[in-house]
Amino acid sequence: MKRRMLPSIPQSLTVFAFWLLMAQDVSPGNIVMALLLAWLMPLLAARLEREFARLGRLRGGFRLIGRLLVDIVIANLTVAKQVLGPESKLHSQFVWIPLDLTNIHGISALASVITLTPGTVSAELSEDRRWLLVHCLSVDDPQALIDEVKTRYEAPLREIFP
């Protein structure tokens, strides 16, 4: 019975404490609200579908981080040149990238990597998690962009998130 009322006592205690910390006032109204949230939030969280991360080989992660840092610097320079140049040279468009990654944590990491790189932003993930929509500030060859994302970022992430 206790499990149904409070599915996670540590989560309830955390919600209770954070509410009182955020309210900065330990009045009776805030205590009642903290108790209500401490009861309600774990019940709602328990209904969410959870998918835990499975990690594979992490050794490629350092190489990926190094590659990403270099790509961010290069992309910053490229975007600055494009933005300061003639607008007619920009060819912005959306590109659907097919995904081989199936792990949602790997897909999230890929979407974050794409968004961190200036000039590109992840816009949407298809319902079946097989396609990622990316907006590019300027792209002449969509297939070249797809190939670059798949080899530079998705392949190492597939090793990390099998």
N, C-alpha and C. Protein backbone atom coordinates (compact mmCIF):
# COMPACT_ATOMS: atom_id res chain seq x y z
N MET A 1 0.81 -1.20 0.00
CA MET A 1 0.00 0.00 0.00
C MET A 1 0.86 1.26 0.00
N LYS A 2 1.95 1.22 0.80
CA LYS A 2 2.83 2.38 0.87
C LYS A 2 3.47 2.66 -0.49
N ARG A 3 3.76 1.62 -1.25
CA ARG A 3 4.39 1.77 -2.57
C ARG A 3 3.47 2.49 -3.54
N ARG A 4 2.18 2.23 -3.44
CA ARG A 4 1.23 2.88 -4.35
C ARG A 4 1.06 4.35 -4.02
N MET A 5 1.05 4.68 -2.73
CA MET A 5 0.87 6.07 -2.31
C MET A 5 2.12 6.89 -2.60
N LEU A 6 3.28 6.31 -2.35
CA LEU A 6 4.55 6.99 -2.59
C LEU A 6 5.46 6.03 -3.35
N PRO A 7 5.48 6.08 -4.68
CA PRO A 7 6.30 5.14 -5.43
C PRO A 7 7.79 5.31 -5.19
N SER A 8 8.21 6.52 -4.79
CA SER A 8 9.63 6.75 -4.55
C SER A 8 9.78 7.74 -3.40
N ILE A 9 10.09 7.22 -2.24
CA ILE A 9 10.24 8.07 -1.06
C ILE A 9 11.39 9.07 -1.24
N PRO A 10 12.55 8.65 -1.77
CA PRO A 10 13.62 9.64 -1.99
C PRO A 10 13.19 10.77 -2.94
N GLN A 11 12.45 10.42 -3.97
CA GLN A 11 11.98 11.45 -4.91
C GLN A 11 10.98 12.38 -4.21
N SER A 12 10.11 11.83 -3.39
CA SER A 12 9.15 12.65 -2.64
C SER A 12 9.87 13.61 -1.70
N LEU A 13 10.88 13.10 -0.99
CA LEU A 13 11.64 13.96 -0.08
C LEU A 13 12.37 15.06 -0.84
N THR A 14 12.89 14.71 -2.00
CA THR A 14 13.60 15.70 -2.82
C THR A 14 12.66 16.79 -3.31
N VAL A 15 11.50 16.40 -3.81
CA VAL A 15 10.51 17.38 -4.29
C VAL A 15 10.08 18.27 -3.13
N PHE A 16 9.82 17.68 -1.98
CA PHE A 16 9.41 18.44 -0.80
C PHE A 16 10.48 19.48 -0.44
N ALA A 17 11.73 19.04 -0.34
CA ALA A 17 12.83 19.94 0.04
C ALA A 17 13.04 21.04 -1.00
N PHE A 18 13.03 20.68 -2.28
CA PHE A 18 13.26 21.69 -3.31
C PHE A 18 12.14 22.71 -3.37
N TRP A 19 10.90 22.27 -3.13
CA TRP A 19 9.81 23.24 -3.14
C TRP A 19 10.01 24.27 -2.03
N LEU A 20 10.36 23.79 -0.84
CA LEU A 20 10.56 24.72 0.27
C LEU A 20 11.77 25.62 0.02
N LEU A 21 12.82 25.08 -0.60
CA LEU A 21 13.99 25.91 -0.93
C LEU A 21 13.64 26.97 -1.96
N MET A 22 12.88 26.59 -2.97
CA MET A 22 12.51 27.56 -4.01
C MET A 22 11.54 28.60 -3.48
N ALA A 23 10.65 28.21 -2.60
CA ALA A 23 9.67 29.15 -2.04
C ALA A 23 10.34 30.12 -1.07
N GLN A 24 11.43 29.72 -0.45
CA GLN A 24 12.19 30.54 0.51
C GLN A 24 11.33 30.98 1.69
N ASP A 25 10.30 30.19 1.99
CA ASP A 25 9.42 30.52 3.10
C ASP A 25 8.78 29.22 3.60
N VAL A 26 8.89 28.98 4.89
CA VAL A 26 8.34 27.76 5.45
C VAL A 26 7.00 28.09 6.13
N SER A 27 6.08 28.63 5.34
CA SER A 27 4.75 28.96 5.85
C SER A 27 3.86 27.72 5.73
N PRO A 28 2.74 27.68 6.44
CA PRO A 28 1.84 26.53 6.35
C PRO A 28 1.36 26.27 4.91
N GLY A 29 1.12 27.32 4.15
CA GLY A 29 0.68 27.14 2.76
C GLY A 29 1.75 26.48 1.91
N ASN A 30 3.00 26.87 2.10
CA ASN A 30 4.10 26.27 1.34
C ASN A 30 4.35 24.82 1.77
N ILE A 31 4.16 24.54 3.03
CA ILE A 31 4.33 23.15 3.50
C ILE A 31 3.25 22.27 2.89
N VAL A 32 2.02 22.75 2.84
CA VAL A 32 0.93 21.98 2.22
C VAL A 32 1.21 21.77 0.74
N MET A 33 1.66 22.82 0.06
CA MET A 33 1.97 22.69 -1.37
C MET A 33 3.13 21.73 -1.58
N ALA A 34 4.16 21.78 -0.73
CA ALA A 34 5.30 20.87 -0.84
C ALA A 34 4.85 19.43 -0.63
N LEU A 35 3.97 19.21 0.34
CA LEU A 35 3.45 17.86 0.57
C LEU A 35 2.64 17.36 -0.62
N LEU A 36 1.82 18.23 -1.16
CA LEU A 36 1.00 17.85 -2.33
C LEU A 36 1.91 17.48 -3.51
N LEU A 37 2.90 18.32 -3.78
CA LEU A 37 3.82 18.03 -4.89
C LEU A 37 4.67 16.79 -4.62
N ALA A 38 5.08 16.61 -3.36
CA ALA A 38 5.88 15.44 -3.00
C ALA A 38 5.09 14.15 -3.17
N TRP A 39 3.78 14.23 -3.06
CA TRP A 39 2.94 13.07 -3.30
C TRP A 39 2.64 12.90 -4.78
N LEU A 40 2.34 14.01 -5.48
CA LEU A 40 1.88 13.95 -6.86
C LEU A 40 3.01 13.70 -7.88
N MET A 41 4.13 14.37 -7.72
CA MET A 41 5.20 14.28 -8.73
C MET A 41 5.74 12.85 -8.92
N PRO A 42 6.03 12.10 -7.86
CA PRO A 42 6.49 10.72 -8.07
C PRO A 42 5.43 9.84 -8.73
N LEU A 43 4.15 10.10 -8.43
CA LEU A 43 3.09 9.33 -9.09
C LEU A 43 3.08 9.59 -10.59
N LEU A 44 3.25 10.84 -10.98
CA LEU A 44 3.29 11.19 -12.40
C LEU A 44 4.57 10.65 -13.05
N ALA A 45 5.68 10.77 -12.36
CA ALA A 45 6.96 10.29 -12.92
C ALA A 45 6.96 8.78 -13.10
N ALA A 46 6.26 8.07 -12.23
CA ALA A 46 6.22 6.60 -12.32
C ALA A 46 5.48 6.14 -13.58
N ARG A 47 4.64 7.01 -14.13
CA ARG A 47 3.87 6.64 -15.32
C ARG A 47 4.65 6.86 -16.61
N LEU A 48 5.76 7.60 -16.53
CA LEU A 48 6.56 7.85 -17.72
C LEU A 48 7.28 6.59 -18.17
N GLU A 49 7.41 6.45 -19.47
CA GLU A 49 8.15 5.31 -20.00
C GLU A 49 9.64 5.58 -19.83
N ARG A 50 10.33 4.66 -19.22
CA ARG A 50 11.75 4.85 -18.98
C ARG A 50 12.56 3.98 -19.93
N GLU A 51 13.63 4.54 -20.38
CA GLU A 51 14.57 3.77 -21.20
C GLU A 51 15.96 4.09 -20.66
N PHE A 52 16.58 3.11 -20.05
CA PHE A 52 17.85 3.33 -19.41
C PHE A 52 18.98 3.23 -20.43
N ALA A 53 20.02 4.00 -20.19
CA ALA A 53 21.16 4.04 -21.11
C ALA A 53 22.00 2.77 -20.94
N ARG A 54 22.32 2.17 -22.06
CA ARG A 54 23.29 1.08 -22.08
C ARG A 54 24.53 1.66 -22.73
N LEU A 55 25.65 1.52 -22.10
CA LEU A 55 26.88 2.06 -22.65
C LEU A 55 27.75 0.94 -23.18
N GLY A 56 28.39 1.21 -24.29
CA GLY A 56 29.32 0.26 -24.89
C GLY A 56 30.74 0.71 -24.63
N ARG A 57 31.52 0.83 -25.71
CA ARG A 57 32.92 1.25 -25.59
C ARG A 57 33.00 2.77 -25.50
N LEU A 58 33.64 3.25 -24.44
CA LEU A 58 33.75 4.69 -24.22
C LEU A 58 35.02 5.30 -24.81
N ARG A 59 35.95 4.46 -25.24
CA ARG A 59 37.24 5.01 -25.70
C ARG A 59 37.09 5.93 -26.91
N GLY A 60 36.08 5.74 -27.73
CA GLY A 60 35.87 6.62 -28.87
C GLY A 60 35.28 7.96 -28.47
N GLY A 61 34.82 8.07 -27.22
CA GLY A 61 34.21 9.30 -26.75
C GLY A 61 35.17 10.47 -26.71
N PHE A 62 36.41 10.23 -26.30
CA PHE A 62 37.39 11.32 -26.25
C PHE A 62 37.73 11.81 -27.65
N ARG A 63 37.83 10.89 -28.58
CA ARG A 63 38.10 11.28 -29.97
C ARG A 63 36.91 12.08 -30.53
N LEU A 64 35.71 11.65 -30.19
CA LEU A 64 34.51 12.37 -30.63
C LEU A 64 34.47 13.78 -30.05
N ILE A 65 34.78 13.93 -28.78
CA ILE A 65 34.80 15.25 -28.14
C ILE A 65 35.84 16.15 -28.80
N GLY A 66 37.02 15.61 -29.05
CA GLY A 66 38.07 16.39 -29.73
C GLY A 66 37.63 16.81 -31.12
N ARG A 67 37.06 15.89 -31.87
CA ARG A 67 36.56 16.19 -33.21
C ARG A 67 35.47 17.26 -33.16
N LEU A 68 34.58 17.13 -32.18
CA LEU A 68 33.49 18.10 -32.04
C LEU A 68 34.04 19.49 -31.74
N LEU A 69 35.01 19.59 -30.84
CA LEU A 69 35.59 20.89 -30.50
C LEU A 69 36.23 21.55 -31.73
N VAL A 70 36.96 20.77 -32.51
CA VAL A 70 37.57 21.31 -33.74
C VAL A 70 36.47 21.73 -34.71
N ASP A 71 35.45 20.90 -34.87
CA ASP A 71 34.35 21.23 -35.79
C ASP A 71 33.59 22.48 -35.36
N ILE A 72 33.45 22.70 -34.06
CA ILE A 72 32.77 23.90 -33.58
C ILE A 72 33.56 25.15 -33.94
N VAL A 73 34.87 25.09 -33.78
CA VAL A 73 35.70 26.25 -34.15
C VAL A 73 35.62 26.52 -35.64
N ILE A 74 35.77 25.47 -36.44
CA ILE A 74 35.70 25.63 -37.90
C ILE A 74 34.32 26.13 -38.32
N ALA A 75 33.27 25.58 -37.73
CA ALA A 75 31.91 25.99 -38.09
C ALA A 75 31.65 27.45 -37.69
N ASN A 76 32.20 27.88 -36.57
CA ASN A 76 32.06 29.28 -36.17
C ASN A 76 32.67 30.21 -37.22
N LEU A 77 33.84 29.87 -37.69
CA LEU A 77 34.49 30.69 -38.72
C LEU A 77 33.70 30.65 -40.03
N THR A 78 33.22 29.48 -40.39
CA THR A 78 32.44 29.34 -41.63
C THR A 78 31.14 30.12 -41.55
N VAL A 79 30.44 30.01 -40.44
CA VAL A 79 29.17 30.73 -40.29
C VAL A 79 29.41 32.24 -40.29
N ALA A 80 30.45 32.69 -39.62
CA ALA A 80 30.76 34.13 -39.62
C ALA A 80 31.01 34.62 -41.04
N LYS A 81 31.75 33.84 -41.81
CA LYS A 81 32.03 34.20 -43.20
C LYS A 81 30.74 34.22 -44.03
N GLN A 82 29.87 33.23 -43.81
CA GLN A 82 28.62 33.16 -44.56
C GLN A 82 27.68 34.30 -44.20
N VAL A 83 27.58 34.60 -42.92
CA VAL A 83 26.66 35.64 -42.48
C VAL A 83 27.13 37.02 -42.92
N LEU A 84 28.43 37.22 -42.90
CA LEU A 84 28.97 38.52 -43.31
C LEU A 84 29.07 38.66 -44.83
N GLY A 85 28.96 37.54 -45.54
CA GLY A 85 29.05 37.56 -46.99
C GLY A 85 27.70 37.84 -47.63
N PRO A 86 27.66 37.71 -48.95
CA PRO A 86 26.39 37.97 -49.65
C PRO A 86 25.34 36.92 -49.30
N GLU A 87 24.12 37.40 -49.10
CA GLU A 87 23.02 36.53 -48.72
C GLU A 87 22.68 35.52 -49.82
N SER A 88 22.99 35.86 -51.04
CA SER A 88 22.67 34.97 -52.16
C SER A 88 23.48 33.68 -52.12
N LYS A 89 24.57 33.66 -51.37
CA LYS A 89 25.39 32.44 -51.27
C LYS A 89 24.88 31.46 -50.23
N LEU A 90 23.92 31.89 -49.42
CA LEU A 90 23.35 30.99 -48.42
C LEU A 90 22.28 30.12 -49.07
N HIS A 91 22.35 28.85 -48.80
CA HIS A 91 21.36 27.88 -49.30
C HIS A 91 20.82 27.09 -48.12
N SER A 92 19.99 27.75 -47.32
CA SER A 92 19.48 27.08 -46.13
C SER A 92 18.37 26.11 -46.51
N GLN A 93 18.36 24.99 -45.82
CA GLN A 93 17.32 23.99 -46.07
C GLN A 93 17.27 22.97 -44.95
N PHE A 94 16.16 22.24 -44.92
CA PHE A 94 16.00 21.13 -43.99
C PHE A 94 16.44 19.85 -44.68
N VAL A 95 17.11 18.99 -43.93
CA VAL A 95 17.58 17.71 -44.47
C VAL A 95 17.19 16.61 -43.48
N TRP A 96 16.55 15.56 -43.99
CA TRP A 96 16.23 14.39 -43.17
C TRP A 96 17.43 13.45 -43.19
N ILE A 97 17.95 13.12 -42.01
CA ILE A 97 19.10 12.23 -41.90
C ILE A 97 18.60 10.87 -41.40
N PRO A 98 18.84 9.80 -42.18
CA PRO A 98 18.43 8.47 -41.71
C PRO A 98 19.34 8.02 -40.56
N LEU A 99 18.76 7.43 -39.53
CA LEU A 99 19.53 7.05 -38.36
C LEU A 99 19.73 5.55 -38.28
N ASP A 100 20.96 5.17 -37.94
CA ASP A 100 21.25 3.78 -37.61
C ASP A 100 21.24 3.60 -36.09
N LEU A 101 21.37 4.70 -35.36
CA LEU A 101 21.28 4.66 -33.90
C LEU A 101 19.86 4.28 -33.51
N THR A 102 19.72 3.40 -32.52
CA THR A 102 18.40 3.04 -32.04
C THR A 102 18.22 3.43 -30.57
N ASN A 103 19.31 3.60 -29.86
CA ASN A 103 19.28 3.98 -28.45
C ASN A 103 18.88 5.45 -28.34
N ILE A 104 17.82 5.76 -27.59
CA ILE A 104 17.33 7.13 -27.50
C ILE A 104 18.37 8.06 -26.90
N HIS A 105 19.22 7.55 -26.04
CA HIS A 105 20.27 8.39 -25.45
C HIS A 105 21.32 8.73 -26.50
N GLY A 106 21.63 7.80 -27.37
CA GLY A 106 22.55 8.07 -28.47
C GLY A 106 21.96 9.06 -29.46
N ILE A 107 20.66 8.91 -29.74
CA ILE A 107 19.98 9.84 -30.65
C ILE A 107 19.98 11.24 -30.04
N SER A 108 19.73 11.33 -28.74
CA SER A 108 19.76 12.63 -28.05
C SER A 108 21.15 13.25 -28.11
N ALA A 109 22.18 12.43 -27.94
CA ALA A 109 23.55 12.93 -28.02
C ALA A 109 23.85 13.43 -29.44
N LEU A 110 23.40 12.68 -30.45
CA LEU A 110 23.61 13.11 -31.83
C LEU A 110 22.89 14.42 -32.11
N ALA A 111 21.65 14.54 -31.68
CA ALA A 111 20.90 15.78 -31.87
C ALA A 111 21.59 16.95 -31.17
N SER A 112 22.14 16.70 -30.00
CA SER A 112 22.86 17.75 -29.27
C SER A 112 24.14 18.15 -29.98
N VAL A 113 24.87 17.17 -30.48
CA VAL A 113 26.12 17.45 -31.22
C VAL A 113 25.82 18.29 -32.45
N ILE A 114 24.77 17.93 -33.16
CA ILE A 114 24.40 18.68 -34.38
C ILE A 114 24.02 20.11 -34.01
N THR A 115 23.26 20.27 -32.94
CA THR A 115 22.83 21.60 -32.53
C THR A 115 23.98 22.44 -31.96
N LEU A 116 24.94 21.79 -31.33
CA LEU A 116 26.11 22.51 -30.82
C LEU A 116 26.98 23.09 -31.93
N THR A 117 26.96 22.45 -33.07
CA THR A 117 27.79 22.89 -34.19
C THR A 117 27.09 24.06 -34.89
N PRO A 118 27.70 25.25 -34.90
CA PRO A 118 27.06 26.42 -35.52
C PRO A 118 26.69 26.16 -36.99
N GLY A 119 25.53 26.66 -37.37
CA GLY A 119 25.05 26.51 -38.74
C GLY A 119 24.09 25.36 -38.92
N THR A 120 23.97 24.50 -37.91
CA THR A 120 23.03 23.38 -37.99
C THR A 120 22.25 23.30 -36.68
N VAL A 121 21.02 22.83 -36.79
CA VAL A 121 20.19 22.64 -35.60
C VAL A 121 19.26 21.44 -35.84
N SER A 122 19.16 20.59 -34.83
CA SER A 122 18.23 19.47 -34.90
C SER A 122 16.83 20.00 -34.69
N ALA A 123 15.92 19.63 -35.58
CA ALA A 123 14.58 20.20 -35.53
C ALA A 123 13.52 19.20 -35.11
N GLU A 124 13.65 17.94 -35.52
CA GLU A 124 12.59 16.97 -35.23
C GLU A 124 13.13 15.56 -35.35
N LEU A 125 12.57 14.68 -34.54
CA LEU A 125 12.84 13.25 -34.62
C LEU A 125 11.55 12.57 -35.04
N SER A 126 11.64 11.70 -36.05
CA SER A 126 10.43 11.03 -36.51
C SER A 126 9.87 10.13 -35.41
N GLU A 127 8.59 9.81 -35.52
CA GLU A 127 7.91 8.98 -34.51
C GLU A 127 8.61 7.63 -34.31
N ASP A 128 9.10 7.05 -35.40
CA ASP A 128 9.73 5.74 -35.31
C ASP A 128 11.22 5.82 -34.96
N ARG A 129 11.73 7.02 -34.70
CA ARG A 129 13.14 7.28 -34.32
C ARG A 129 14.12 6.83 -35.40
N ARG A 130 13.72 6.85 -36.64
CA ARG A 130 14.60 6.41 -37.72
C ARG A 130 15.13 7.57 -38.54
N TRP A 131 14.58 8.78 -38.35
CA TRP A 131 14.97 9.95 -39.13
C TRP A 131 15.10 11.16 -38.21
N LEU A 132 16.13 11.96 -38.46
CA LEU A 132 16.33 13.20 -37.72
C LEU A 132 16.32 14.36 -38.71
N LEU A 133 15.45 15.32 -38.47
CA LEU A 133 15.36 16.49 -39.34
C LEU A 133 16.33 17.54 -38.84
N VAL A 134 17.20 18.00 -39.73
CA VAL A 134 18.23 18.98 -39.39
C VAL A 134 18.07 20.18 -40.30
N HIS A 135 18.13 21.37 -39.72
CA HIS A 135 18.13 22.60 -40.51
C HIS A 135 19.56 23.07 -40.64
N CYS A 136 19.95 23.37 -41.88
CA CYS A 136 21.32 23.83 -42.15
C CYS A 136 21.27 25.25 -42.68
N LEU A 137 22.17 26.09 -42.19
CA LEU A 137 22.22 27.47 -42.64
C LEU A 137 22.57 27.54 -44.12
N SER A 138 23.52 26.72 -44.52
CA SER A 138 23.90 26.69 -45.92
C SER A 138 24.44 25.32 -46.27
N VAL A 139 23.78 24.67 -47.23
CA VAL A 139 24.22 23.35 -47.68
C VAL A 139 24.00 23.27 -49.18
N ASP A 140 25.05 22.86 -49.88
CA ASP A 140 24.95 22.70 -51.34
C ASP A 140 24.61 21.26 -51.72
N ASP A 141 25.13 20.32 -50.94
CA ASP A 141 24.93 18.91 -51.25
C ASP A 141 24.36 18.20 -50.01
N PRO A 142 23.06 17.98 -49.96
CA PRO A 142 22.46 17.33 -48.78
C PRO A 142 23.04 15.94 -48.50
N GLN A 143 23.35 15.19 -49.55
CA GLN A 143 23.90 13.85 -49.33
C GLN A 143 25.28 13.91 -48.68
N ALA A 144 26.08 14.91 -49.04
CA ALA A 144 27.38 15.08 -48.41
C ALA A 144 27.22 15.39 -46.92
N LEU A 145 26.22 16.20 -46.58
CA LEU A 145 25.95 16.50 -45.18
C LEU A 145 25.54 15.24 -44.44
N ILE A 146 24.66 14.45 -45.03
CA ILE A 146 24.22 13.19 -44.41
C ILE A 146 25.41 12.28 -44.17
N ASP A 147 26.26 12.12 -45.19
CA ASP A 147 27.43 11.25 -45.06
C ASP A 147 28.38 11.74 -43.97
N GLU A 148 28.55 13.06 -43.89
CA GLU A 148 29.45 13.63 -42.89
C GLU A 148 28.92 13.40 -41.48
N VAL A 149 27.64 13.63 -41.26
CA VAL A 149 27.04 13.42 -39.94
C VAL A 149 27.15 11.95 -39.54
N LYS A 150 26.87 11.06 -40.48
CA LYS A 150 26.90 9.63 -40.17
C LYS A 150 28.30 9.14 -39.85
N THR A 151 29.31 9.61 -40.57
CA THR A 151 30.67 9.12 -40.32
C THR A 151 31.34 9.84 -39.15
N ARG A 152 31.17 11.15 -39.06
CA ARG A 152 31.87 11.93 -38.02
C ARG A 152 31.24 11.79 -36.64
N TYR A 153 29.93 11.69 -36.58
CA TYR A 153 29.25 11.72 -35.28
C TYR A 153 28.46 10.46 -34.96
N GLU A 154 27.66 9.99 -35.91
CA GLU A 154 26.80 8.85 -35.59
C GLU A 154 27.59 7.57 -35.37
N ALA A 155 28.59 7.31 -36.20
CA ALA A 155 29.37 6.08 -36.05
C ALA A 155 30.04 5.98 -34.67
N PRO A 156 30.72 7.03 -34.19
CA PRO A 156 31.29 6.91 -32.84
C PRO A 156 30.22 6.80 -31.76
N LEU A 157 29.09 7.46 -31.95
CA LEU A 157 28.03 7.37 -30.95
C LEU A 157 27.40 5.97 -30.93
N ARG A 158 27.41 5.29 -32.05
CA ARG A 158 26.89 3.91 -32.08
C ARG A 158 27.77 2.98 -31.26
N GLU A 159 29.06 3.27 -31.18
CA GLU A 159 29.95 2.47 -30.33
C GLU A 159 29.69 2.74 -28.86
N ILE A 160 29.41 4.01 -28.54
CA ILE A 160 29.17 4.39 -27.15
C ILE A 160 27.79 3.92 -26.68
N PHE A 161 26.79 4.09 -27.55
CA PHE A 161 25.40 3.70 -27.24
C PHE A 161 24.95 2.60 -28.18
N PRO A 162 25.27 1.33 -27.84
CA PRO A 162 24.91 0.23 -28.76
C PRO A 162 23.41 0.02 -28.86
